[in-house]
Every structure is written in structure tokens, then in C-alpha cells.
Amino acid sequence: MVANITIYSDINFSGKKVELNFACNSLDAFGMNDVISSVKVEEGIWQLYEHSDFGGRTTTIPPGEYHNMERWFRHSDRTSSLKPIPTVRLYEHPNFGGKMVELNSSHNDSLSSA
């Protein structure tokens, strides 16, 4: 699974648009530092960071469309870096059969071994 996120400089998915499928330690390179106002997450769960190099306060964003980051997460115009949260899929049977469970770092407190 490839994580995909599209970030926009203005609310309602307008303004400058950047599509990412990788961790970005500084949105300065895209001219998007501290200007993200709306987001579309197509795949994966993303962690948005207040500062470059994945520092400061964070906001976790699951798949969905968020037309106004301030309204949804109180995190408008405050993102300087972002990255997808690694996900592992476990299947009940060989060859990816049966029930599937998806785990990511948000399960950190409930898992002790795998």
C-alpha cells in the first residue's frame, strides 16, 4: 500500500496543490511551509508536524477529505513536515487469504510482540 496525500494552500481544495507519497522533512522545498489549509488523504494515515524535521506538535490524519484544516484539526497553516505512518497488513490464511488486520504505530500501546 502506498500512502498518498494532496495538500492545498487554501481551504476547499484550492490554491497551490502538492501531491506526495513519501515523507517530507521540510515543506519549504514545495513552497508549502506553514500554509496548508485543506488536505485529501487517499491512502494511508499521515502525521503532520508543526516544525521541519518531524518536530513539534503533531496531527494524525486518516483517509478522507478535509476542506478546512482549522475546522477539523485546529491545525491550519501550521505544518512544516509530514510523513505516512507505516502500516502492516496481517492475513488469517496463506496467500493473503481470510480476514485482514491492518496495524500501524497507533497500536503501539496495545501490542507487545508480533
PDB file of N, CA and C in Angstrom:
ATOM      1  N   MET A   1       0.846  -1.180   0.000  1.00  0.00           N
ATOM      2  CA  MET A   1       0.000   0.000   0.000  1.00  0.00           C
ATOM      3  C   MET A   1       0.893   1.246   0.000  1.00  0.00           C
ATOM      4  N   VAL A   2       0.609   2.139  -0.914  1.00  0.00           N
ATOM      5  CA  VAL A   2       1.336   3.395  -0.996  1.00  0.00           C
ATOM      6  C   VAL A   2       0.463   4.492  -0.400  1.00  0.00           C
ATOM      7  N   ALA A   3       1.011   5.220   0.533  1.00  0.00           N
ATOM      8  CA  ALA A   3       0.278   6.329   1.151  1.00  0.00           C
ATOM      9  C   ALA A   3       0.293   7.519   0.199  1.00  0.00           C
ATOM     10  N   ASN A   4      -0.861   8.154   0.036  1.00  0.00           N
ATOM     11  CA  ASN A   4      -0.983   9.325  -0.839  1.00  0.00           C
ATOM     12  C   ASN A   4      -1.703  10.439  -0.116  1.00  0.00           C
ATOM     13  N   ILE A   5      -1.144  11.648  -0.229  1.00  0.00           N
ATOM     14  CA  ILE A   5      -1.769  12.826   0.361  1.00  0.00           C
ATOM     15  C   ILE A   5      -1.635  13.976  -0.628  1.00  0.00           C
ATOM     16  N   THR A   6      -2.681  14.795  -0.706  1.00  0.00           N
ATOM     17  CA  THR A   6      -2.643  16.005  -1.510  1.00  0.00           C
ATOM     18  C   THR A   6      -2.900  17.173  -0.559  1.00  0.00           C
ATOM     19  N   ILE A   7      -1.983  18.126  -0.563  1.00  0.00           N
ATOM     20  CA  ILE A   7      -2.096  19.285   0.321  1.00  0.00           C
ATOM     21  C   ILE A   7      -2.378  20.529  -0.519  1.00  0.00           C
ATOM     22  N   TYR A   8      -3.172  21.436   0.055  1.00  0.00           N
ATOM     23  CA  TYR A   8      -3.575  22.654  -0.639  1.00  0.00           C
ATOM     24  C   TYR A   8      -3.288  23.863   0.255  1.00  0.00           C
ATOM     25  N   SER A   9      -2.933  24.962  -0.375  1.00  0.00           N
ATOM     26  CA  SER A   9      -2.609  26.163   0.394  1.00  0.00           C
ATOM     27  C   SER A   9      -3.849  26.891   0.906  1.00  0.00           C
ATOM     28  N   ASP A  10      -5.002  26.648   0.287  1.00  0.00           N
ATOM     29  CA  ASP A  10      -6.229  27.342   0.687  1.00  0.00           C
ATOM     30  C   ASP A  10      -7.319  26.342   1.067  1.00  0.00           C
ATOM     31  N   ILE A  11      -8.338  26.811   1.767  1.00  0.00           N
ATOM     32  CA  ILE A  11      -9.451  25.938   2.126  1.00  0.00           C
ATOM     33  C   ILE A  11     -10.213  25.523   0.867  1.00  0.00           C
ATOM     34  N   ASN A  12     -11.039  24.482   1.014  1.00  0.00           N
ATOM     35  CA  ASN A  12     -11.872  23.973  -0.082  1.00  0.00           C
ATOM     36  C   ASN A  12     -11.069  23.480  -1.270  1.00  0.00           C
ATOM     37  N   PHE A  13      -9.881  22.922  -0.994  1.00  0.00           N
ATOM     38  CA  PHE A  13      -9.044  22.294  -2.011  1.00  0.00           C
ATOM     39  C   PHE A  13      -8.695  23.250  -3.152  1.00  0.00           C
ATOM     40  N   SER A  14      -8.338  24.466  -2.779  1.00  0.00           N
ATOM     41  CA  SER A  14      -7.962  25.452  -3.780  1.00  0.00           C
ATOM     42  C   SER A  14      -6.580  26.014  -3.457  1.00  0.00           C
ATOM     43  N   GLY A  15      -6.097  26.856  -4.341  1.00  0.00           N
ATOM     44  CA  GLY A  15      -4.751  27.408  -4.181  1.00  0.00           C
ATOM     45  C   GLY A  15      -3.705  26.437  -4.688  1.00  0.00           C
ATOM     46  N   LYS A  16      -2.495  26.620  -4.227  1.00  0.00           N
ATOM     47  CA  LYS A  16      -1.390  25.754  -4.641  1.00  0.00           C
ATOM     48  C   LYS A  16      -1.658  24.325  -4.171  1.00  0.00           C
ATOM     49  N   LYS A  17      -1.315  23.357  -5.008  1.00  0.00           N
ATOM     50  CA  LYS A  17      -1.580  21.939  -4.739  1.00  0.00           C
ATOM     51  C   LYS A  17      -0.292  21.138  -4.895  1.00  0.00           C
ATOM     52  N   VAL A  18      -0.023  20.254  -3.929  1.00  0.00           N
ATOM     53  CA  VAL A  18       1.137  19.369  -3.994  1.00  0.00           C
ATOM     54  C   VAL A  18       0.686  17.965  -3.606  1.00  0.00           C
ATOM     55  N   GLU A  19       1.041  16.974  -4.434  1.00  0.00           N
ATOM     56  CA  GLU A  19       0.737  15.573  -4.152  1.00  0.00           C
ATOM     57  C   GLU A  19       2.003  14.877  -3.678  1.00  0.00           C
ATOM     58  N   LEU A  20       1.888  14.129  -2.574  1.00  0.00           N
ATOM     59  CA  LEU A  20       3.044  13.435  -2.007  1.00  0.00           C
ATOM     60  C   LEU A  20       2.690  11.984  -1.708  1.00  0.00           C
ATOM     61  N   ASN A  21       3.699  11.117  -1.826  1.00  0.00           N
ATOM     62  CA  ASN A  21       3.556   9.721  -1.413  1.00  0.00           C
ATOM     63  C   ASN A  21       4.800   9.264  -0.648  1.00  0.00           C
ATOM     64  N   PHE A  22       5.459  10.228  -0.013  1.00  0.00           N
ATOM     65  CA  PHE A  22       6.682   9.972   0.736  1.00  0.00           C
ATOM     66  C   PHE A  22       6.804  10.969   1.883  1.00  0.00           C
ATOM     67  N   ALA A  23       7.649  10.646   2.830  1.00  0.00           N
ATOM     68  CA  ALA A  23       7.906  11.553   3.956  1.00  0.00           C
ATOM     69  C   ALA A  23       8.616  12.796   3.439  1.00  0.00           C
ATOM     70  N   CYS A  24       8.254  13.938   3.979  1.00  0.00           N
ATOM     71  CA  CYS A  24       8.869  15.204   3.588  1.00  0.00           C
ATOM     72  C   CYS A  24       9.286  15.940   4.857  1.00  0.00           C
ATOM     73  N   ASN A  25      10.591  16.077   5.073  1.00  0.00           N
ATOM     74  CA  ASN A  25      11.069  16.691   6.312  1.00  0.00           C
ATOM     75  C   ASN A  25      11.027  18.215   6.285  1.00  0.00           C
ATOM     76  N   SER A  26      10.756  18.807   5.113  1.00  0.00           N
ATOM     77  CA  SER A  26      10.615  20.259   5.034  1.00  0.00           C
ATOM     78  C   SER A  26       9.742  20.621   3.833  1.00  0.00           C
ATOM     79  N   LEU A  27       8.597  21.212   4.114  1.00  0.00           N
ATOM     80  CA  LEU A  27       7.701  21.612   3.033  1.00  0.00           C
ATOM     81  C   LEU A  27       8.165  22.888   2.346  1.00  0.00           C
ATOM     82  N   ASP A  28       9.256  23.500   2.832  1.00  0.00           N
ATOM     83  CA  ASP A  28       9.840  24.668   2.173  1.00  0.00           C
ATOM     84  C   ASP A  28      10.176  24.370   0.716  1.00  0.00           C
ATOM     85  N   ALA A  29      10.653  23.151   0.446  1.00  0.00           N
ATOM     86  CA  ALA A  29      11.057  22.768  -0.908  1.00  0.00           C
ATOM     87  C   ALA A  29       9.898  22.864  -1.899  1.00  0.00           C
ATOM     88  N   PHE A  30       8.669  22.780  -1.398  1.00  0.00           N
ATOM     89  CA  PHE A  30       7.482  22.858  -2.248  1.00  0.00           C
ATOM     90  C   PHE A  30       6.760  24.197  -2.116  1.00  0.00           C
ATOM     91  N   GLY A  31       7.324  25.104  -1.329  1.00  0.00           N
ATOM     92  CA  GLY A  31       6.677  26.379  -1.087  1.00  0.00           C
ATOM     93  C   GLY A  31       5.395  26.237  -0.280  1.00  0.00           C
ATOM     94  N   MET A  32       5.335  25.195   0.575  1.00  0.00           N
ATOM     95  CA  MET A  32       4.111  24.907   1.328  1.00  0.00           C
ATOM     96  C   MET A  32       4.323  24.944   2.840  1.00  0.00           C
ATOM     97  N   ASN A  33       5.416  25.526   3.303  1.00  0.00           N
ATOM     98  CA  ASN A  33       5.666  25.597   4.736  1.00  0.00           C
ATOM     99  C   ASN A  33       4.660  26.528   5.416  1.00  0.00           C
ATOM    100  N   ASP A  34       3.969  26.009   6.414  1.00  0.00           N
ATOM    101  CA  ASP A  34       3.001  26.780   7.211  1.00  0.00           C
ATOM    102  C   ASP A  34       1.886  27.432   6.386  1.00  0.00           C
ATOM    103  N   VAL A  35       1.459  26.779   5.300  1.00  0.00           N
ATOM    104  CA  VAL A  35       0.361  27.337   4.504  1.00  0.00           C
ATOM    105  C   VAL A  35      -0.744  26.320   4.196  1.00  0.00           C
ATOM    106  N   ILE A  36      -0.630  25.091   4.658  1.00  0.00           N
ATOM    107  CA  ILE A  36      -1.629  24.068   4.314  1.00  0.00           C
ATOM    108  C   ILE A  36      -2.953  24.375   5.015  1.00  0.00           C
ATOM    109  N   SER A  37      -4.005  24.502   4.197  1.00  0.00           N
ATOM    110  CA  SER A  37      -5.333  24.810   4.743  1.00  0.00           C
ATOM    111  C   SER A  37      -6.379  23.742   4.438  1.00  0.00           C
ATOM    112  N   SER A  38      -6.113  22.849   3.479  1.00  0.00           N
ATOM    113  CA  SER A  38      -7.006  21.726   3.210  1.00  0.00           C
ATOM    114  C   SER A  38      -6.185  20.542   2.711  1.00  0.00           C
ATOM    115  N   VAL A  39      -6.732  19.340   2.920  1.00  0.00           N
ATOM    116  CA  VAL A  39      -5.980  18.106   2.654  1.00  0.00           C
ATOM    117  C   VAL A  39      -6.920  17.019   2.157  1.00  0.00           C
ATOM    118  N   LYS A  40      -6.411  16.209   1.212  1.00  0.00           N
ATOM    119  CA  LYS A  40      -7.091  14.975   0.803  1.00  0.00           C
ATOM    120  C   LYS A  40      -6.113  13.828   1.040  1.00  0.00           C
ATOM    121  N   VAL A  41      -6.539  12.845   1.826  1.00  0.00           N
ATOM    122  CA  VAL A  41      -5.734  11.653   2.074  1.00  0.00           C
ATOM    123  C   VAL A  41      -6.420  10.495   1.366  1.00  0.00           C
ATOM    124  N   GLU A  42      -5.787   9.994   0.297  1.00  0.00           N
ATOM    125  CA  GLU A  42      -6.376   8.896  -0.458  1.00  0.00           C
ATOM    126  C   GLU A  42      -6.024   7.542   0.149  1.00  0.00           C
ATOM    127  N   GLU A  43      -4.806   7.388   0.596  1.00  0.00           N
ATOM    128  CA  GLU A  43      -4.335   6.121   1.155  1.00  0.00           C
ATOM    129  C   GLU A  43      -3.472   6.389   2.370  1.00  0.00           C
ATOM    130  N   GLY A  44      -3.549   5.502   3.335  1.00  0.00           N
ATOM    131  CA  GLY A  44      -2.684   5.580   4.497  1.00  0.00           C
ATOM    132  C   GLY A  44      -3.124   6.593   5.535  1.00  0.00           C
ATOM    133  N   ILE A  45      -2.390   6.609   6.609  1.00  0.00           N
ATOM    134  CA  ILE A  45      -2.590   7.560   7.690  1.00  0.00           C
ATOM    135  C   ILE A  45      -1.352   8.441   7.720  1.00  0.00           C
ATOM    136  N   TRP A  46      -1.545   9.740   7.827  1.00  0.00           N
ATOM    137  CA  TRP A  46      -0.441  10.686   7.773  1.00  0.00           C
ATOM    138  C   TRP A  46      -0.287  11.427   9.086  1.00  0.00           C
ATOM    139  N   GLN A  47       0.972  11.705   9.421  1.00  0.00           N
ATOM    140  CA  GLN A  47       1.310  12.501  10.601  1.00  0.00           C
ATOM    141  C   GLN A  47       1.830  13.843  10.094  1.00  0.00           C
ATOM    142  N   LEU A  48       1.193  14.934  10.519  1.00  0.00           N
ATOM    143  CA  LEU A  48       1.626  16.279  10.166  1.00  0.00           C
ATOM    144  C   LEU A  48       2.333  16.889  11.366  1.00  0.00           C
ATOM    145  N   TYR A  49       3.451  17.554  11.119  1.00  0.00           N
ATOM    146  CA  TYR A  49       4.289  18.104  12.187  1.00  0.00           C
ATOM    147  C   TYR A  49       4.355  19.623  12.093  1.00  0.00           C
ATOM    148  N   GLU A  50       4.374  20.243  13.242  1.00  0.00           N
ATOM    149  CA  GLU A  50       4.419  21.695  13.353  1.00  0.00           C
ATOM    150  C   GLU A  50       5.746  22.276  12.836  1.00  0.00           C
ATOM    151  N   HIS A  51       6.841  21.540  13.012  1.00  0.00           N
ATOM    152  CA  HIS A  51       8.170  22.021  12.628  1.00  0.00           C
ATOM    153  C   HIS A  51       8.817  21.110  11.592  1.00  0.00           C
ATOM    154  N   SER A  52       9.826  21.624  10.925  1.00  0.00           N
ATOM    155  CA  SER A  52      10.624  20.825   9.994  1.00  0.00           C
ATOM    156  C   SER A  52      11.304  19.687  10.740  1.00  0.00           C
ATOM    157  N   ASP A  53      11.745  18.698   9.998  1.00  0.00           N
ATOM    158  CA  ASP A  53      12.435  17.525  10.550  1.00  0.00           C
ATOM    159  C   ASP A  53      11.572  16.778  11.572  1.00  0.00           C
ATOM    160  N   PHE A  54      10.255  16.781  11.335  1.00  0.00           N
ATOM    161  CA  PHE A  54       9.299  15.999  12.126  1.00  0.00           C
ATOM    162  C   PHE A  54       9.303  16.369  13.608  1.00  0.00           C
ATOM    163  N   GLY A  55       9.337  17.652  13.883  1.00  0.00           N
ATOM    164  CA  GLY A  55       9.352  18.126  15.265  1.00  0.00           C
ATOM    165  C   GLY A  55       8.095  18.910  15.623  1.00  0.00           C
ATOM    166  N   GLY A  56       7.940  19.147  16.907  1.00  0.00           N
ATOM    167  CA  GLY A  56       6.821  19.941  17.407  1.00  0.00           C
ATOM    168  C   GLY A  56       5.539  19.148  17.553  1.00  0.00           C
ATOM    169  N   ARG A  57       4.447  19.863  17.666  1.00  0.00           N
ATOM    170  CA  ARG A  57       3.134  19.229  17.813  1.00  0.00           C
ATOM    171  C   ARG A  57       2.778  18.458  16.550  1.00  0.00           C
ATOM    172  N   THR A  58       1.974  17.413  16.724  1.00  0.00           N
ATOM    173  CA  THR A  58       1.573  16.588  15.588  1.00  0.00           C
ATOM    174  C   THR A  58       0.056  16.489  15.479  1.00  0.00           C
ATOM    175  N   THR A  59      -0.377  16.187  14.282  1.00  0.00           N
ATOM    176  CA  THR A  59      -1.774  15.889  13.998  1.00  0.00           C
ATOM    177  C   THR A  59      -1.792  14.649  13.125  1.00  0.00           C
ATOM    178  N   THR A  60      -2.619  13.671  13.488  1.00  0.00           N
ATOM    179  CA  THR A  60      -2.742  12.440  12.717  1.00  0.00           C
ATOM    180  C   THR A  60      -3.998  12.530  11.859  1.00  0.00           C
ATOM    181  N   ILE A  61      -3.837  12.250  10.565  1.00  0.00           N
ATOM    182  CA  ILE A  61      -4.949  12.386   9.636  1.00  0.00           C
ATOM    183  C   ILE A  61      -5.201  11.069   8.905  1.00  0.00           C
ATOM    184  N   PRO A  62      -6.375  10.463   9.121  1.00  0.00           N
ATOM    185  CA  PRO A  62      -6.739   9.237   8.412  1.00  0.00           C
ATOM    186  C   PRO A  62      -7.255   9.560   7.004  1.00  0.00           C
ATOM    187  N   PRO A  63      -7.484   8.540   6.182  1.00  0.00           N
ATOM    188  CA  PRO A  63      -8.028   8.795   4.844  1.00  0.00           C
ATOM    189  C   PRO A  63      -9.323   9.614   4.910  1.00  0.00           C
ATOM    190  N   GLY A  64      -9.452  10.535   3.983  1.00  0.00           N
ATOM    191  CA  GLY A  64     -10.640  11.380   3.915  1.00  0.00           C
ATOM    192  C   GLY A  64     -10.315  12.705   3.256  1.00  0.00           C
ATOM    193  N   GLU A  65     -11.340  13.541   3.139  1.00  0.00           N
ATOM    194  CA  GLU A  65     -11.190  14.865   2.566  1.00  0.00           C
ATOM    195  C   GLU A  65     -11.497  15.902   3.632  1.00  0.00           C
ATOM    196  N   TYR A  66     -10.552  16.788   3.858  1.00  0.00           N
ATOM    197  CA  TYR A  66     -10.658  17.790   4.916  1.00  0.00           C
ATOM    198  C   TYR A  66     -10.551  19.175   4.286  1.00  0.00           C
ATOM    199  N   HIS A  67     -11.693  19.788   4.013  1.00  0.00           N
ATOM    200  CA  HIS A  67     -11.731  21.040   3.258  1.00  0.00           C
ATOM    201  C   HIS A  67     -11.261  22.253   4.062  1.00  0.00           C
ATOM    202  N   ASN A  68     -11.166  22.091   5.397  1.00  0.00           N
ATOM    203  CA  ASN A  68     -10.728  23.204   6.233  1.00  0.00           C
ATOM    204  C   ASN A  68      -9.982  22.626   7.441  1.00  0.00           C
ATOM    205  N   MET A  69      -8.664  22.642   7.387  1.00  0.00           N
ATOM    206  CA  MET A  69      -7.853  22.031   8.440  1.00  0.00           C
ATOM    207  C   MET A  69      -8.102  22.667   9.811  1.00  0.00           C
ATOM    208  N   GLU A  70      -8.383  23.938   9.842  1.00  0.00           N
ATOM    209  CA  GLU A  70      -8.647  24.598  11.121  1.00  0.00           C
ATOM    210  C   GLU A  70      -9.925  24.046  11.746  1.00  0.00           C
ATOM    211  N   ARG A  71     -10.926  23.844  10.949  1.00  0.00           N
ATOM    212  CA  ARG A  71     -12.209  23.328  11.458  1.00  0.00           C
ATOM    213  C   ARG A  71     -12.086  21.883  11.937  1.00  0.00           C
ATOM    214  N   TRP A  72     -11.378  21.057  11.178  1.00  0.00           N
ATOM    215  CA  TRP A  72     -11.290  19.630  11.508  1.00  0.00           C
ATOM    216  C   TRP A  72     -10.267  19.336  12.596  1.00  0.00           C
ATOM    217  N   PHE A  73      -9.092  19.960  12.500  1.00  0.00           N
ATOM    218  CA  PHE A  73      -7.980  19.570  13.370  1.00  0.00           C
ATOM    219  C   PHE A  73      -7.351  20.723  14.145  1.00  0.00           C
ATOM    220  N   ARG A  74      -7.833  21.939  13.962  1.00  0.00           N
ATOM    221  CA  ARG A  74      -7.215  23.113  14.561  1.00  0.00           C
ATOM    222  C   ARG A  74      -5.715  23.158  14.226  1.00  0.00           C
ATOM    223  N   HIS A  75      -5.426  22.857  12.961  1.00  0.00           N
ATOM    224  CA  HIS A  75      -4.042  22.738  12.522  1.00  0.00           C
ATOM    225  C   HIS A  75      -3.825  23.425  11.170  1.00  0.00           C
ATOM    226  N   SER A  76      -4.517  24.514  10.909  1.00  0.00           N
ATOM    227  CA  SER A  76      -4.359  25.222   9.642  1.00  0.00           C
ATOM    228  C   SER A  76      -3.100  26.080   9.662  1.00  0.00           C
ATOM    229  N   ASP A  77      -2.390  26.088   8.546  1.00  0.00           N
ATOM    230  CA  ASP A  77      -1.204  26.938   8.356  1.00  0.00           C
ATOM    231  C   ASP A  77      -0.141  26.717   9.429  1.00  0.00           C
ATOM    232  N   ARG A  78      -0.005  25.490   9.909  1.00  0.00           N
ATOM    233  CA  ARG A  78       0.986  25.188  10.948  1.00  0.00           C
ATOM    234  C   ARG A  78       1.842  23.975  10.624  1.00  0.00           C
ATOM    235  N   THR A  79       1.797  23.479   9.396  1.00  0.00           N
ATOM    236  CA  THR A  79       2.522  22.250   9.069  1.00  0.00           C
ATOM    237  C   THR A  79       3.818  22.567   8.330  1.00  0.00           C
ATOM    238  N   SER A  80       4.929  22.019   8.840  1.00  0.00           N
ATOM    239  CA  SER A  80       6.233  22.222   8.208  1.00  0.00           C
ATOM    240  C   SER A  80       6.850  20.933   7.687  1.00  0.00           C
ATOM    241  N   SER A  81       6.358  19.777   8.162  1.00  0.00           N
ATOM    242  CA  SER A  81       6.831  18.481   7.660  1.00  0.00           C
ATOM    243  C   SER A  81       5.711  17.461   7.851  1.00  0.00           C
ATOM    244  N   LEU A  82       5.786  16.370   7.101  1.00  0.00           N
ATOM    245  CA  LEU A  82       4.766  15.329   7.217  1.00  0.00           C
ATOM    246  C   LEU A  82       5.320  13.998   6.743  1.00  0.00           C
ATOM    247  N   LYS A  83       4.690  12.918   7.217  1.00  0.00           N
ATOM    248  CA  LYS A  83       5.102  11.590   6.771  1.00  0.00           C
ATOM    249  C   LYS A  83       3.967  10.587   6.985  1.00  0.00           C
ATOM    250  N   PRO A  84       3.960   9.549   6.138  1.00  0.00           N
ATOM    251  CA  PRO A  84       2.960   8.497   6.333  1.00  0.00           C
ATOM    252  C   PRO A  84       3.350   7.631   7.526  1.00  0.00           C
ATOM    253  N   ILE A  85       2.356   7.118   8.219  1.00  0.00           N
ATOM    254  CA  ILE A  85       2.601   6.196   9.317  1.00  0.00           C
ATOM    255  C   ILE A  85       2.707   4.804   8.718  1.00  0.00           C
ATOM    256  N   PRO A  86       3.828   4.102   8.944  1.00  0.00           N
ATOM    257  CA  PRO A  86       3.978   2.755   8.375  1.00  0.00           C
ATOM    258  C   PRO A  86       2.846   1.839   8.815  1.00  0.00           C
ATOM    259  N   THR A  87       2.381   1.034   7.872  1.00  0.00           N
ATOM    260  CA  THR A  87       1.275   0.122   8.123  1.00  0.00           C
ATOM    261  C   THR A  87       1.676  -1.296   7.722  1.00  0.00           C
ATOM    262  N   VAL A  88       1.254  -2.258   8.514  1.00  0.00           N
ATOM    263  CA  VAL A  88       1.490  -3.675   8.224  1.00  0.00           C
ATOM    264  C   VAL A  88       0.132  -4.357   8.130  1.00  0.00           C
ATOM    265  N   ARG A  89      -0.036  -5.187   7.107  1.00  0.00           N
ATOM    266  CA  ARG A  89      -1.270  -5.968   6.965  1.00  0.00           C
ATOM    267  C   ARG A  89      -0.989  -7.423   7.327  1.00  0.00           C
ATOM    268  N   LEU A  90      -1.822  -7.977   8.209  1.00  0.00           N
ATOM    269  CA  LEU A  90      -1.722  -9.373   8.617  1.00  0.00           C
ATOM    270  C   LEU A  90      -2.946 -10.110   8.097  1.00  0.00           C
ATOM    271  N   TYR A  91      -2.721 -11.310   7.529  1.00  0.00           N
ATOM    272  CA  TYR A  91      -3.813 -12.094   6.965  1.00  0.00           C
ATOM    273  C   TYR A  91      -3.992 -13.395   7.726  1.00  0.00           C
ATOM    274  N   GLU A  92      -5.219 -13.850   7.791  1.00  0.00           N
ATOM    275  CA  GLU A  92      -5.587 -15.047   8.527  1.00  0.00           C
ATOM    276  C   GLU A  92      -5.031 -16.320   7.872  1.00  0.00           C
ATOM    277  N   HIS A  93      -4.963 -16.350   6.544  1.00  0.00           N
ATOM    278  CA  HIS A  93      -4.542 -17.543   5.808  1.00  0.00           C
ATOM    279  C   HIS A  93      -3.391 -17.229   4.855  1.00  0.00           C
ATOM    280  N   PRO A  94      -2.682 -18.264   4.398  1.00  0.00           N
ATOM    281  CA  PRO A  94      -1.609 -18.055   3.414  1.00  0.00           C
ATOM    282  C   PRO A  94      -2.136 -17.395   2.134  1.00  0.00           C
ATOM    283  N   ASN A  95      -1.236 -16.835   1.379  1.00  0.00           N
ATOM    284  CA  ASN A  95      -1.554 -16.187   0.100  1.00  0.00           C
ATOM    285  C   ASN A  95      -2.564 -15.052   0.254  1.00  0.00           C
ATOM    286  N   PHE A  96      -2.457 -14.333   1.368  1.00  0.00           N
ATOM    287  CA  PHE A  96      -3.281 -13.150   1.626  1.00  0.00           C
ATOM    288  C   PHE A  96      -4.782 -13.468   1.690  1.00  0.00           C
ATOM    289  N   GLY A  97      -5.097 -14.637   2.214  1.00  0.00           N
ATOM    290  CA  GLY A  97      -6.488 -15.055   2.306  1.00  0.00           C
ATOM    291  C   GLY A  97      -7.081 -14.830   3.687  1.00  0.00           C
ATOM    292  N   GLY A  98      -8.404 -14.869   3.740  1.00  0.00           N
ATOM    293  CA  GLY A  98      -9.114 -14.726   5.004  1.00  0.00           C
ATOM    294  C   GLY A  98      -9.180 -13.297   5.486  1.00  0.00           C
ATOM    295  N   LYS A  99      -9.452 -13.168   6.748  1.00  0.00           N
ATOM    296  CA  LYS A  99      -9.577 -11.835   7.349  1.00  0.00           C
ATOM    297  C   LYS A  99      -8.237 -11.114   7.349  1.00  0.00           C
ATOM    298  N   MET A 100      -8.312  -9.800   7.216  1.00  0.00           N
ATOM    299  CA  MET A 100      -7.111  -8.973   7.199  1.00  0.00           C
ATOM    300  C   MET A 100      -7.211  -7.959   8.328  1.00  0.00           C
ATOM    301  N   VAL A 101      -6.091  -7.760   9.024  1.00  0.00           N
ATOM    302  CA  VAL A 101      -5.991  -6.742  10.064  1.00  0.00           C
ATOM    303  C   VAL A 101      -4.863  -5.810   9.666  1.00  0.00           C
ATOM    304  N   GLU A 102      -5.103  -4.509   9.769  1.00  0.00           N
ATOM    305  CA  GLU A 102      -4.097  -3.522   9.429  1.00  0.00           C
ATOM    306  C   GLU A 102      -3.596  -2.886  10.716  1.00  0.00           C
ATOM    307  N   LEU A 103      -2.280  -2.889  10.908  1.00  0.00           N
ATOM    308  CA  LEU A 103      -1.674  -2.325  12.110  1.00  0.00           C
ATOM    309  C   LEU A 103      -0.760  -1.170  11.725  1.00  0.00           C
ATOM    310  N   ASN A 104      -0.751  -0.145  12.564  1.00  0.00           N
ATOM    311  CA  ASN A 104       0.184   0.960  12.378  1.00  0.00           C
ATOM    312  C   ASN A 104       0.679   1.394  13.749  1.00  0.00           C
ATOM    313  N   SER A 105       1.498   2.406  13.786  1.00  0.00           N
ATOM    314  CA  SER A 105       2.093   2.805  15.061  1.00  0.00           C
ATOM    315  C   SER A 105       1.075   3.276  16.089  1.00  0.00           C
ATOM    316  N   SER A 106      -0.179   3.516  15.676  1.00  0.00           N
ATOM    317  CA  SER A 106      -1.189   3.919  16.647  1.00  0.00           C
ATOM    318  C   SER A 106      -1.571   2.748  17.563  1.00  0.00           C
ATOM    319  N   HIS A 107      -1.147   1.518  17.197  1.00  0.00           N
ATOM    320  CA  HIS A 107      -1.397   0.348  18.038  1.00  0.00           C
ATOM    321  C   HIS A 107      -0.250   0.125  19.043  1.00  0.00           C
ATOM    322  N   ASN A 108       0.668   1.037  19.110  1.00  0.00           N
ATOM    323  CA  ASN A 108       1.869   0.883  19.920  1.00  0.00           C
ATOM    324  C   ASN A 108       1.578   0.492  21.358  1.00  0.00           C
ATOM    325  N   ASP A 109       0.549   1.048  21.965  1.00  0.00           N
ATOM    326  CA  ASP A 109       0.263   0.764  23.357  1.00  0.00           C
ATOM    327  C   ASP A 109      -0.465  -0.560  23.571  1.00  0.00           C
ATOM    328  N   SER A 110      -0.994  -1.176  22.505  1.00  0.00           N
ATOM    329  CA  SER A 110      -1.772  -2.398  22.668  1.00  0.00           C
ATOM    330  C   SER A 110      -1.035  -3.639  22.192  1.00  0.00           C
ATOM    331  N   LEU A 111       0.153  -3.505  21.603  1.00  0.00           N
ATOM    332  CA  LEU A 111       0.913  -4.657  21.133  1.00  0.00           C
ATOM    333  C   LEU A 111       2.188  -4.823  21.943  1.00  0.00           C
ATOM    334  N   SER A 112       2.524  -6.081  22.213  1.00  0.00           N
ATOM    335  CA  SER A 112       3.787  -6.311  22.905  1.00  0.00           C
ATOM    336  C   SER A 112       4.751  -7.141  22.050  1.00  0.00           C
ATOM    337  N   SER A 113       4.223  -7.905  21.076  1.00  0.00           N
ATOM    338  CA  SER A 113       5.089  -8.642  20.164  1.00  0.00           C
ATOM    339  C   SER A 113       4.314  -9.018  18.916  1.00  0.00           C
ATOM    340  N   ALA A 114       5.050  -9.300  17.837  1.00  0.00           N
ATOM    341  CA  ALA A 114       4.414  -9.716  16.580  1.00  0.00           C
ATOM    342  C   ALA A 114       5.272 -10.780  15.930  1.00  0.00           C
TER     343      ALA A 114
END
